[in-house]
Each structure stands twice: as structure tokens, then as C-alpha cells.
Amino acid sequence: MIIARYNNIVCEVNQTSKLNPTRRIRFIGFFQGTDEMFIAKYKPQFPNHTFQIFLHKRKPLYKSVRTLIETSGEIKSQLREYNLNKLLD
């Protein structure tokens, strides 16, 4: 299981099995802050998960996970709603 941060999007990525390498993605929320703050916030909630962060030297985000986040319809709609709320505030 992976907790992935791509820009300000936080997702949980599950691989169904090793024989069938399809991945499922679940939107967790948005996070603005440093990488250390991100790990400090989510590590207690997900202690057994691997953390991957976009453009991070020690915890890089896999390209397959990044592509999955970019193409997910659920995440696109959440991001659209988040950006609209930021503009209205």
C-alpha cells in the first residue's frame, strides 16, 4: 500500500495482487505544507504504508502511480472543485 502526494493531492494506492498488478486509487484529501509535515501528519494514520512524494529525492513517486493519479476521473473532479473553491474564497 502506498500513500502518494502529487503536488497537493494525497491518495492511497492499493495493488490488488502480485499476479494481477492492477492498482486501485482512493482520494484522501489535499495537503499544503512541506514534505516533512506531510509525513508527520499521515504516518500515524497509515503506519504500515510506503510514502511516495512527487519530486522528492529519497521517496520518489513512481511514474505508474503518477499516471494513475493524473488519469483518475475522481481525482480530476476533486481537484476541479478544490480550485473553484479557492477562486471563490
PDB file of N, CA and C in Angstrom:
ATOM      1  N   MET A   1       0.845  -1.171   0.000  1.00  0.00           N
ATOM      2  CA  MET A   1       0.000   0.000   0.000  1.00  0.00           C
ATOM      3  C   MET A   1       0.896   1.243   0.000  1.00  0.00           C
ATOM      4  N   ILE A   2       0.464   2.237  -0.747  1.00  0.00           N
ATOM      5  CA  ILE A   2       1.249   3.451  -0.932  1.00  0.00           C
ATOM      6  C   ILE A   2       0.387   4.655  -0.590  1.00  0.00           C
ATOM      7  N   ILE A   3       0.971   5.607   0.122  1.00  0.00           N
ATOM      8  CA  ILE A   3       0.373   6.923   0.290  1.00  0.00           C
ATOM      9  C   ILE A   3       1.177   7.844  -0.614  1.00  0.00           C
ATOM     10  N   ALA A   4       0.518   8.425  -1.608  1.00  0.00           N
ATOM     11  CA  ALA A   4       1.201   9.228  -2.616  1.00  0.00           C
ATOM     12  C   ALA A   4       0.780  10.683  -2.516  1.00  0.00           C
ATOM     13  N   ARG A   5       1.767  11.568  -2.656  1.00  0.00           N
ATOM     14  CA  ARG A   5       1.494  13.004  -2.715  1.00  0.00           C
ATOM     15  C   ARG A   5       1.978  13.517  -4.058  1.00  0.00           C
ATOM     16  N   TYR A   6       1.033  14.028  -4.827  1.00  0.00           N
ATOM     17  CA  TYR A   6       1.345  14.595  -6.140  1.00  0.00           C
ATOM     18  C   TYR A   6       0.867  16.035  -6.116  1.00  0.00           C
ATOM     19  N   ASN A   7       1.823  16.975  -6.106  1.00  0.00           N
ATOM     20  CA  ASN A   7       1.561  18.388  -5.869  1.00  0.00           C
ATOM     21  C   ASN A   7       0.851  18.522  -4.522  1.00  0.00           C
ATOM     22  N   ASN A   8      -0.403  18.892  -4.474  1.00  0.00           N
ATOM     23  CA  ASN A   8      -1.094  18.990  -3.183  1.00  0.00           C
ATOM     24  C   ASN A   8      -2.172  17.919  -3.020  1.00  0.00           C
ATOM     25  N   ILE A   9      -2.176  16.921  -3.881  1.00  0.00           N
ATOM     26  CA  ILE A   9      -3.153  15.834  -3.843  1.00  0.00           C
ATOM     27  C   ILE A   9      -2.568  14.659  -3.059  1.00  0.00           C
ATOM     28  N   VAL A  10      -3.348  14.109  -2.125  1.00  0.00           N
ATOM     29  CA  VAL A  10      -2.917  12.945  -1.345  1.00  0.00           C
ATOM     30  C   VAL A  10      -3.848  11.786  -1.673  1.00  0.00           C
ATOM     31  N   CYS A  11      -3.270  10.638  -2.045  1.00  0.00           N
ATOM     32  CA  CYS A  11      -4.041   9.465  -2.442  1.00  0.00           C
ATOM     33  C   CYS A  11      -3.467   8.209  -1.801  1.00  0.00           C
ATOM     34  N   GLU A  12      -4.326   7.217  -1.687  1.00  0.00           N
ATOM     35  CA  GLU A  12      -3.898   5.890  -1.257  1.00  0.00           C
ATOM     36  C   GLU A  12      -3.992   4.980  -2.471  1.00  0.00           C
ATOM     37  N   VAL A  13      -2.911   4.262  -2.751  1.00  0.00           N
ATOM     38  CA  VAL A  13      -2.858   3.375  -3.912  1.00  0.00           C
ATOM     39  C   VAL A  13      -2.685   1.953  -3.408  1.00  0.00           C
ATOM     40  N   ASN A  14      -3.589   1.079  -3.830  1.00  0.00           N
ATOM     41  CA  ASN A  14      -3.546  -0.340  -3.455  1.00  0.00           C
ATOM     42  C   ASN A  14      -3.296  -1.173  -4.698  1.00  0.00           C
ATOM     43  N   GLN A  15      -2.390  -2.118  -4.572  1.00  0.00           N
ATOM     44  CA  GLN A  15      -2.192  -3.095  -5.636  1.00  0.00           C
ATOM     45  C   GLN A  15      -3.006  -4.316  -5.264  1.00  0.00           C
ATOM     46  N   THR A  16      -3.860  -4.784  -6.178  1.00  0.00           N
ATOM     47  CA  THR A  16      -4.793  -5.855  -5.857  1.00  0.00           C
ATOM     48  C   THR A  16      -4.082  -7.162  -5.528  1.00  0.00           C
ATOM     49  N   SER A  17      -3.106  -7.565  -6.323  1.00  0.00           N
ATOM     50  CA  SER A  17      -2.324  -8.768  -6.036  1.00  0.00           C
ATOM     51  C   SER A  17      -1.064  -8.744  -6.879  1.00  0.00           C
ATOM     52  N   LYS A  18      -0.133  -9.611  -6.547  1.00  0.00           N
ATOM     53  CA  LYS A  18       1.102  -9.659  -7.317  1.00  0.00           C
ATOM     54  C   LYS A  18       0.898 -10.323  -8.674  1.00  0.00           C
ATOM     55  N   LEU A  19      -0.068 -11.238  -8.752  1.00  0.00           N
ATOM     56  CA  LEU A  19      -0.339 -11.894 -10.026  1.00  0.00           C
ATOM     57  C   LEU A  19      -1.114 -10.985 -10.972  1.00  0.00           C
ATOM     58  N   ASN A  20      -1.978 -10.159 -10.411  1.00  0.00           N
ATOM     59  CA  ASN A  20      -2.765  -9.222 -11.204  1.00  0.00           C
ATOM     60  C   ASN A  20      -2.375  -7.815 -10.761  1.00  0.00           C
ATOM     61  N   PRO A  21      -1.418  -7.179 -11.442  1.00  0.00           N
ATOM     62  CA  PRO A  21      -0.864  -5.928 -10.934  1.00  0.00           C
ATOM     63  C   PRO A  21      -1.714  -4.675 -11.193  1.00  0.00           C
ATOM     64  N   THR A  22      -3.016  -4.795 -11.213  1.00  0.00           N
ATOM     65  CA  THR A  22      -3.847  -3.602 -11.351  1.00  0.00           C
ATOM     66  C   THR A  22      -3.835  -2.845 -10.027  1.00  0.00           C
ATOM     67  N   ARG A  23      -3.968  -1.544 -10.123  1.00  0.00           N
ATOM     68  CA  ARG A  23      -3.911  -0.703  -8.932  1.00  0.00           C
ATOM     69  C   ARG A  23      -5.219   0.040  -8.764  1.00  0.00           C
ATOM     70  N   ARG A  24      -5.614   0.194  -7.512  1.00  0.00           N
ATOM     71  CA  ARG A  24      -6.800   0.975  -7.173  1.00  0.00           C
ATOM     72  C   ARG A  24      -6.345   2.219  -6.446  1.00  0.00           C
ATOM     73  N   ILE A  25      -7.030   3.311  -6.721  1.00  0.00           N
ATOM     74  CA  ILE A  25      -6.654   4.582  -6.121  1.00  0.00           C
ATOM     75  C   ILE A  25      -7.827   5.148  -5.336  1.00  0.00           C
ATOM     76  N   ARG A  26      -7.520   5.735  -4.180  1.00  0.00           N
ATOM     77  CA  ARG A  26      -8.548   6.346  -3.346  1.00  0.00           C
ATOM     78  C   ARG A  26      -8.060   7.729  -2.945  1.00  0.00           C
ATOM     79  N   PHE A  27      -8.886   8.732  -3.207  1.00  0.00           N
ATOM     80  CA  PHE A  27      -8.553  10.108  -2.863  1.00  0.00           C
ATOM     81  C   PHE A  27      -8.671  10.300  -1.352  1.00  0.00           C
ATOM     82  N   ILE A  28      -7.639  10.851  -0.720  1.00  0.00           N
ATOM     83  CA  ILE A  28      -7.668  11.116   0.715  1.00  0.00           C
ATOM     84  C   ILE A  28      -7.959  12.579   0.993  1.00  0.00           C
ATOM     85  N   GLY A  29      -7.296  13.463   0.291  1.00  0.00           N
ATOM     86  CA  GLY A  29      -7.528  14.888   0.517  1.00  0.00           C
ATOM     87  C   GLY A  29      -6.433  15.730  -0.100  1.00  0.00           C
ATOM     88  N   PHE A  30      -6.416  16.982   0.304  1.00  0.00           N
ATOM     89  CA  PHE A  30      -5.406  17.920  -0.169  1.00  0.00           C
ATOM     90  C   PHE A  30      -4.509  18.294   1.001  1.00  0.00           C
ATOM     91  N   PHE A  31      -3.238  18.553   0.722  1.00  0.00           N
ATOM     92  CA  PHE A  31      -2.290  18.920   1.771  1.00  0.00           C
ATOM     93  C   PHE A  31      -1.348  19.976   1.229  1.00  0.00           C
ATOM     94  N   GLN A  32      -1.246  21.075   1.960  1.00  0.00           N
ATOM     95  CA  GLN A  32      -0.288  22.118   1.619  1.00  0.00           C
ATOM     96  C   GLN A  32       0.692  22.240   2.772  1.00  0.00           C
ATOM     97  N   GLY A  33       1.956  22.111   2.487  1.00  0.00           N
ATOM     98  CA  GLY A  33       2.995  22.169   3.505  1.00  0.00           C
ATOM     99  C   GLY A  33       4.244  21.472   2.989  1.00  0.00           C
ATOM    100  N   THR A  34       5.219  21.349   3.858  1.00  0.00           N
ATOM    101  CA  THR A  34       6.474  20.714   3.467  1.00  0.00           C
ATOM    102  C   THR A  34       6.318  19.193   3.453  1.00  0.00           C
ATOM    103  N   ASP A  35       7.300  18.536   2.872  1.00  0.00           N
ATOM    104  CA  ASP A  35       7.288  17.076   2.816  1.00  0.00           C
ATOM    105  C   ASP A  35       7.380  16.465   4.213  1.00  0.00           C
ATOM    106  N   GLU A  36       8.161  17.081   5.083  1.00  0.00           N
ATOM    107  CA  GLU A  36       8.287  16.581   6.447  1.00  0.00           C
ATOM    108  C   GLU A  36       6.963  16.702   7.197  1.00  0.00           C
ATOM    109  N   MET A  37       6.244  17.806   6.983  1.00  0.00           N
ATOM    110  CA  MET A  37       4.938  17.987   7.614  1.00  0.00           C
ATOM    111  C   MET A  37       3.947  16.945   7.097  1.00  0.00           C
ATOM    112  N   PHE A  38       4.031  16.641   5.806  1.00  0.00           N
ATOM    113  CA  PHE A  38       3.160  15.637   5.199  1.00  0.00           C
ATOM    114  C   PHE A  38       3.372  14.268   5.843  1.00  0.00           C
ATOM    115  N   ILE A  39       4.626  13.866   5.971  1.00  0.00           N
ATOM    116  CA  ILE A  39       4.927  12.567   6.575  1.00  0.00           C
ATOM    117  C   ILE A  39       4.519  12.548   8.037  1.00  0.00           C
ATOM    118  N   ALA A  40       4.774  13.646   8.756  1.00  0.00           N
ATOM    119  CA  ALA A  40       4.416  13.712  10.175  1.00  0.00           C
ATOM    120  C   ALA A  40       2.903  13.634  10.381  1.00  0.00           C
ATOM    121  N   LYS A  41       2.137  14.167   9.442  1.00  0.00           N
ATOM    122  CA  LYS A  41       0.673  14.141   9.585  1.00  0.00           C
ATOM    123  C   LYS A  41       0.092  12.763   9.262  1.00  0.00           C
ATOM    124  N   TYR A  42       0.552  12.148   8.177  1.00  0.00           N
ATOM    125  CA  TYR A  42      -0.081  10.922   7.690  1.00  0.00           C
ATOM    126  C   TYR A  42       0.563   9.630   8.197  1.00  0.00           C
ATOM    127  N   LYS A  43       1.782   9.680   8.712  1.00  0.00           N
ATOM    128  CA  LYS A  43       2.431   8.454   9.192  1.00  0.00           C
ATOM    129  C   LYS A  43       1.682   7.822  10.369  1.00  0.00           C
ATOM    130  N   PRO A  44       1.160   8.591  11.346  1.00  0.00           N
ATOM    131  CA  PRO A  44       0.382   7.958  12.416  1.00  0.00           C
ATOM    132  C   PRO A  44      -0.912   7.296  11.915  1.00  0.00           C
ATOM    133  N   GLN A  45      -1.531   7.852  10.887  1.00  0.00           N
ATOM    134  CA  GLN A  45      -2.768   7.282  10.341  1.00  0.00           C
ATOM    135  C   GLN A  45      -2.500   6.036   9.509  1.00  0.00           C
ATOM    136  N   PHE A  46      -1.364   5.998   8.832  1.00  0.00           N
ATOM    137  CA  PHE A  46      -1.010   4.892   7.937  1.00  0.00           C
ATOM    138  C   PHE A  46       0.395   4.392   8.269  1.00  0.00           C
ATOM    139  N   PRO A  47       0.567   3.712   9.413  1.00  0.00           N
ATOM    140  CA  PRO A  47       1.924   3.340   9.842  1.00  0.00           C
ATOM    141  C   PRO A  47       2.591   2.265   8.982  1.00  0.00           C
ATOM    142  N   ASN A  48       1.837   1.426   8.310  1.00  0.00           N
ATOM    143  CA  ASN A  48       2.424   0.329   7.527  1.00  0.00           C
ATOM    144  C   ASN A  48       2.513   0.631   6.040  1.00  0.00           C
ATOM    145  N   HIS A  49       2.179   1.839   5.633  1.00  0.00           N
ATOM    146  CA  HIS A  49       2.187   2.198   4.225  1.00  0.00           C
ATOM    147  C   HIS A  49       3.537   2.791   3.823  1.00  0.00           C
ATOM    148  N   THR A  50       3.829   2.707   2.528  1.00  0.00           N
ATOM    149  CA  THR A  50       5.002   3.344   1.950  1.00  0.00           C
ATOM    150  C   THR A  50       4.601   4.735   1.483  1.00  0.00           C
ATOM    151  N   PHE A  51       5.439   5.726   1.737  1.00  0.00           N
ATOM    152  CA  PHE A  51       5.150   7.092   1.329  1.00  0.00           C
ATOM    153  C   PHE A  51       5.963   7.443   0.101  1.00  0.00           C
ATOM    154  N   GLN A  52       5.288   8.044  -0.889  1.00  0.00           N
ATOM    155  CA  GLN A  52       5.946   8.493  -2.101  1.00  0.00           C
ATOM    156  C   GLN A  52       5.509   9.928  -2.376  1.00  0.00           C
ATOM    157  N   ILE A  53       6.497  10.766  -2.708  1.00  0.00           N
ATOM    158  CA  ILE A  53       6.247  12.185  -2.892  1.00  0.00           C
ATOM    159  C   ILE A  53       6.818  12.603  -4.240  1.00  0.00           C
ATOM    160  N   PHE A  54       6.033  13.366  -4.993  1.00  0.00           N
ATOM    161  CA  PHE A  54       6.453  13.858  -6.300  1.00  0.00           C
ATOM    162  C   PHE A  54       7.647  14.797  -6.132  1.00  0.00           C
ATOM    163  N   LEU A  55       8.706  14.591  -6.911  1.00  0.00           N
ATOM    164  CA  LEU A  55       9.942  15.372  -6.915  1.00  0.00           C
ATOM    165  C   LEU A  55      10.675  15.333  -5.567  1.00  0.00           C
ATOM    166  N   HIS A  56      10.672  14.197  -4.908  1.00  0.00           N
ATOM    167  CA  HIS A  56      11.394  14.022  -3.649  1.00  0.00           C
ATOM    168  C   HIS A  56      12.603  13.135  -3.904  1.00  0.00           C
ATOM    169  N   LYS A  57      13.746  13.458  -3.286  1.00  0.00           N
ATOM    170  CA  LYS A  57      14.977  12.718  -3.566  1.00  0.00           C
ATOM    171  C   LYS A  57      14.965  11.323  -2.968  1.00  0.00           C
ATOM    172  N   ARG A  58      14.498  11.178  -1.734  1.00  0.00           N
ATOM    173  CA  ARG A  58      14.564   9.878  -1.064  1.00  0.00           C
ATOM    174  C   ARG A  58      13.286   9.073  -1.167  1.00  0.00           C
ATOM    175  N   LYS A  59      12.151   9.702  -1.405  1.00  0.00           N
ATOM    176  CA  LYS A  59      10.869   8.997  -1.500  1.00  0.00           C
ATOM    177  C   LYS A  59      10.174   9.387  -2.814  1.00  0.00           C
ATOM    178  N   PRO A  60      10.760   9.022  -3.957  1.00  0.00           N
ATOM    179  CA  PRO A  60      10.196   9.464  -5.232  1.00  0.00           C
ATOM    180  C   PRO A  60       8.876   8.768  -5.571  1.00  0.00           C
ATOM    181  N   LEU A  61       8.049   9.477  -6.286  1.00  0.00           N
ATOM    182  CA  LEU A  61       6.764   8.952  -6.736  1.00  0.00           C
ATOM    183  C   LEU A  61       6.979   8.146  -8.012  1.00  0.00           C
ATOM    184  N   TYR A  62       6.506   6.898  -8.025  1.00  0.00           N
ATOM    185  CA  TYR A  62       6.632   6.067  -9.220  1.00  0.00           C
ATOM    186  C   TYR A  62       5.851   6.686 -10.370  1.00  0.00           C
ATOM    187  N   LYS A  63       6.387   6.530 -11.569  1.00  0.00           N
ATOM    188  CA  LYS A  63       5.731   7.085 -12.749  1.00  0.00           C
ATOM    189  C   LYS A  63       4.361   6.443 -12.964  1.00  0.00           C
ATOM    190  N   SER A  64       4.233   5.156 -12.685  1.00  0.00           N
ATOM    191  CA  SER A  64       2.944   4.479 -12.874  1.00  0.00           C
ATOM    192  C   SER A  64       1.892   5.028 -11.911  1.00  0.00           C
ATOM    193  N   VAL A  65       2.306   5.357 -10.689  1.00  0.00           N
ATOM    194  CA  VAL A  65       1.368   5.927  -9.717  1.00  0.00           C
ATOM    195  C   VAL A  65       0.985   7.342 -10.140  1.00  0.00           C
ATOM    196  N   ARG A  66       1.961   8.118 -10.603  1.00  0.00           N
ATOM    197  CA  ARG A  66       1.681   9.486 -11.066  1.00  0.00           C
ATOM    198  C   ARG A  66       0.698   9.476 -12.239  1.00  0.00           C
ATOM    199  N   THR A  67       0.893   8.573 -13.175  1.00  0.00           N
ATOM    200  CA  THR A  67      -0.019   8.458 -14.312  1.00  0.00           C
ATOM    201  C   THR A  67      -1.409   8.067 -13.858  1.00  0.00           C
ATOM    202  N   LEU A  68      -1.491   7.180 -12.895  1.00  0.00           N
ATOM    203  CA  LEU A  68      -2.782   6.761 -12.349  1.00  0.00           C
ATOM    204  C   LEU A  68      -3.512   7.942 -11.708  1.00  0.00           C
ATOM    205  N   ILE A  69      -2.784   8.770 -10.970  1.00  0.00           N
ATOM    206  CA  ILE A  69      -3.385   9.953 -10.343  1.00  0.00           C
ATOM    207  C   ILE A  69      -3.848  10.938 -11.407  1.00  0.00           C
ATOM    208  N   GLU A  70      -3.015  11.167 -12.420  1.00  0.00           N
ATOM    209  CA  GLU A  70      -3.347  12.139 -13.462  1.00  0.00           C
ATOM    210  C   GLU A  70      -4.551  11.721 -14.296  1.00  0.00           C
ATOM    211  N   THR A  71      -4.783  10.423 -14.455  1.00  0.00           N
ATOM    212  CA  THR A  71      -5.868   9.963 -15.310  1.00  0.00           C
ATOM    213  C   THR A  71      -7.136   9.592 -14.550  1.00  0.00           C
ATOM    214  N   SER A  72      -7.100   9.652 -13.231  1.00  0.00           N
ATOM    215  CA  SER A  72      -8.267   9.285 -12.431  1.00  0.00           C
ATOM    216  C   SER A  72      -9.363  10.341 -12.534  1.00  0.00           C
ATOM    217  N   GLY A  73     -10.560   9.919 -12.897  1.00  0.00           N
ATOM    218  CA  GLY A  73     -11.698  10.836 -13.007  1.00  0.00           C
ATOM    219  C   GLY A  73     -12.119  11.397 -11.668  1.00  0.00           C
ATOM    220  N   GLU A  74     -12.078  10.572 -10.625  1.00  0.00           N
ATOM    221  CA  GLU A  74     -12.463  11.028  -9.283  1.00  0.00           C
ATOM    222  C   GLU A  74     -11.541  12.148  -8.808  1.00  0.00           C
ATOM    223  N   ILE A  75     -10.254  11.981  -9.028  1.00  0.00           N
ATOM    224  CA  ILE A  75      -9.295  12.980  -8.571  1.00  0.00           C
ATOM    225  C   ILE A  75      -9.403  14.251  -9.395  1.00  0.00           C
ATOM    226  N   LYS A  76      -9.661  14.123 -10.686  1.00  0.00           N
ATOM    227  CA  LYS A  76      -9.856  15.310 -11.523  1.00  0.00           C
ATOM    228  C   LYS A  76     -11.036  16.136 -11.042  1.00  0.00           C
ATOM    229  N   SER A  77     -12.143  15.476 -10.701  1.00  0.00           N
ATOM    230  CA  SER A  77     -13.309  16.216 -10.229  1.00  0.00           C
ATOM    231  C   SER A  77     -13.050  16.848  -8.867  1.00  0.00           C
ATOM    232  N   GLN A  78     -12.344  16.159  -7.973  1.00  0.00           N
ATOM    233  CA  GLN A  78     -11.997  16.726  -6.671  1.00  0.00           C
ATOM    234  C   GLN A  78     -11.082  17.938  -6.837  1.00  0.00           C
ATOM    235  N   LEU A  79     -10.116  17.857  -7.738  1.00  0.00           N
ATOM    236  CA  LEU A  79      -9.199  18.958  -7.984  1.00  0.00           C
ATOM    237  C   LEU A  79      -9.933  20.151  -8.587  1.00  0.00           C
ATOM    238  N   ARG A  80     -10.856  19.884  -9.494  1.00  0.00           N
ATOM    239  CA  ARG A  80     -11.650  20.952 -10.097  1.00  0.00           C
ATOM    240  C   ARG A  80     -12.470  21.677  -9.030  1.00  0.00           C
ATOM    241  N   GLU A  81     -13.103  20.932  -8.152  1.00  0.00           N
ATOM    242  CA  GLU A  81     -13.899  21.518  -7.085  1.00  0.00           C
ATOM    243  C   GLU A  81     -13.012  22.304  -6.106  1.00  0.00           C
ATOM    244  N   TYR A  82     -11.853  21.771  -5.794  1.00  0.00           N
ATOM    245  CA  TYR A  82     -10.915  22.453  -4.893  1.00  0.00           C
ATOM    246  C   TYR A  82     -10.464  23.785  -5.499  1.00  0.00           C
ATOM    247  N   ASN A  83     -10.115  23.780  -6.785  1.00  0.00           N
ATOM    248  CA  ASN A  83      -9.664  25.008  -7.445  1.00  0.00           C
ATOM    249  C   ASN A  83     -10.785  26.040  -7.527  1.00  0.00           C
ATOM    250  N   LEU A  84     -12.016  25.606  -7.771  1.00  0.00           N
ATOM    251  CA  LEU A  84     -13.145  26.536  -7.796  1.00  0.00           C
ATOM    252  C   LEU A  84     -13.379  27.170  -6.434  1.00  0.00           C
ATOM    253  N   ASN A  85     -13.276  26.358  -5.376  1.00  0.00           N
ATOM    254  CA  ASN A  85     -13.448  26.900  -4.020  1.00  0.00           C
ATOM    255  C   ASN A  85     -12.349  27.890  -3.668  1.00  0.00           C
ATOM    256  N   LYS A  86     -11.130  27.639  -4.134  1.00  0.00           N
ATOM    257  CA  LYS A  86     -10.032  28.583  -3.883  1.00  0.00           C
ATOM    258  C   LYS A  86     -10.293  29.906  -4.603  1.00  0.00           C
ATOM    259  N   LEU A  87     -10.858  29.840  -5.813  1.00  0.00           N
ATOM    260  CA  LEU A  87     -11.137  31.072  -6.556  1.00  0.00           C
ATOM    261  C   LEU A  87     -12.264  31.864  -5.916  1.00  0.00           C
ATOM    262  N   LEU A  88     -13.246  31.177  -5.357  1.00  0.00           N
ATOM    263  CA  LEU A  88     -14.392  31.855  -4.759  1.00  0.00           C
ATOM    264  C   LEU A  88     -14.087  32.453  -3.395  1.00  0.00           C
ATOM    265  N   ASP A  89     -13.078  31.921  -2.713  1.00  0.00           N
ATOM    266  CA  ASP A  89     -12.718  32.452  -1.386  1.00  0.00           C
ATOM    267  C   ASP A  89     -11.952  33.739  -1.451  1.00  0.00           C
TER     268      ASP A  89
END
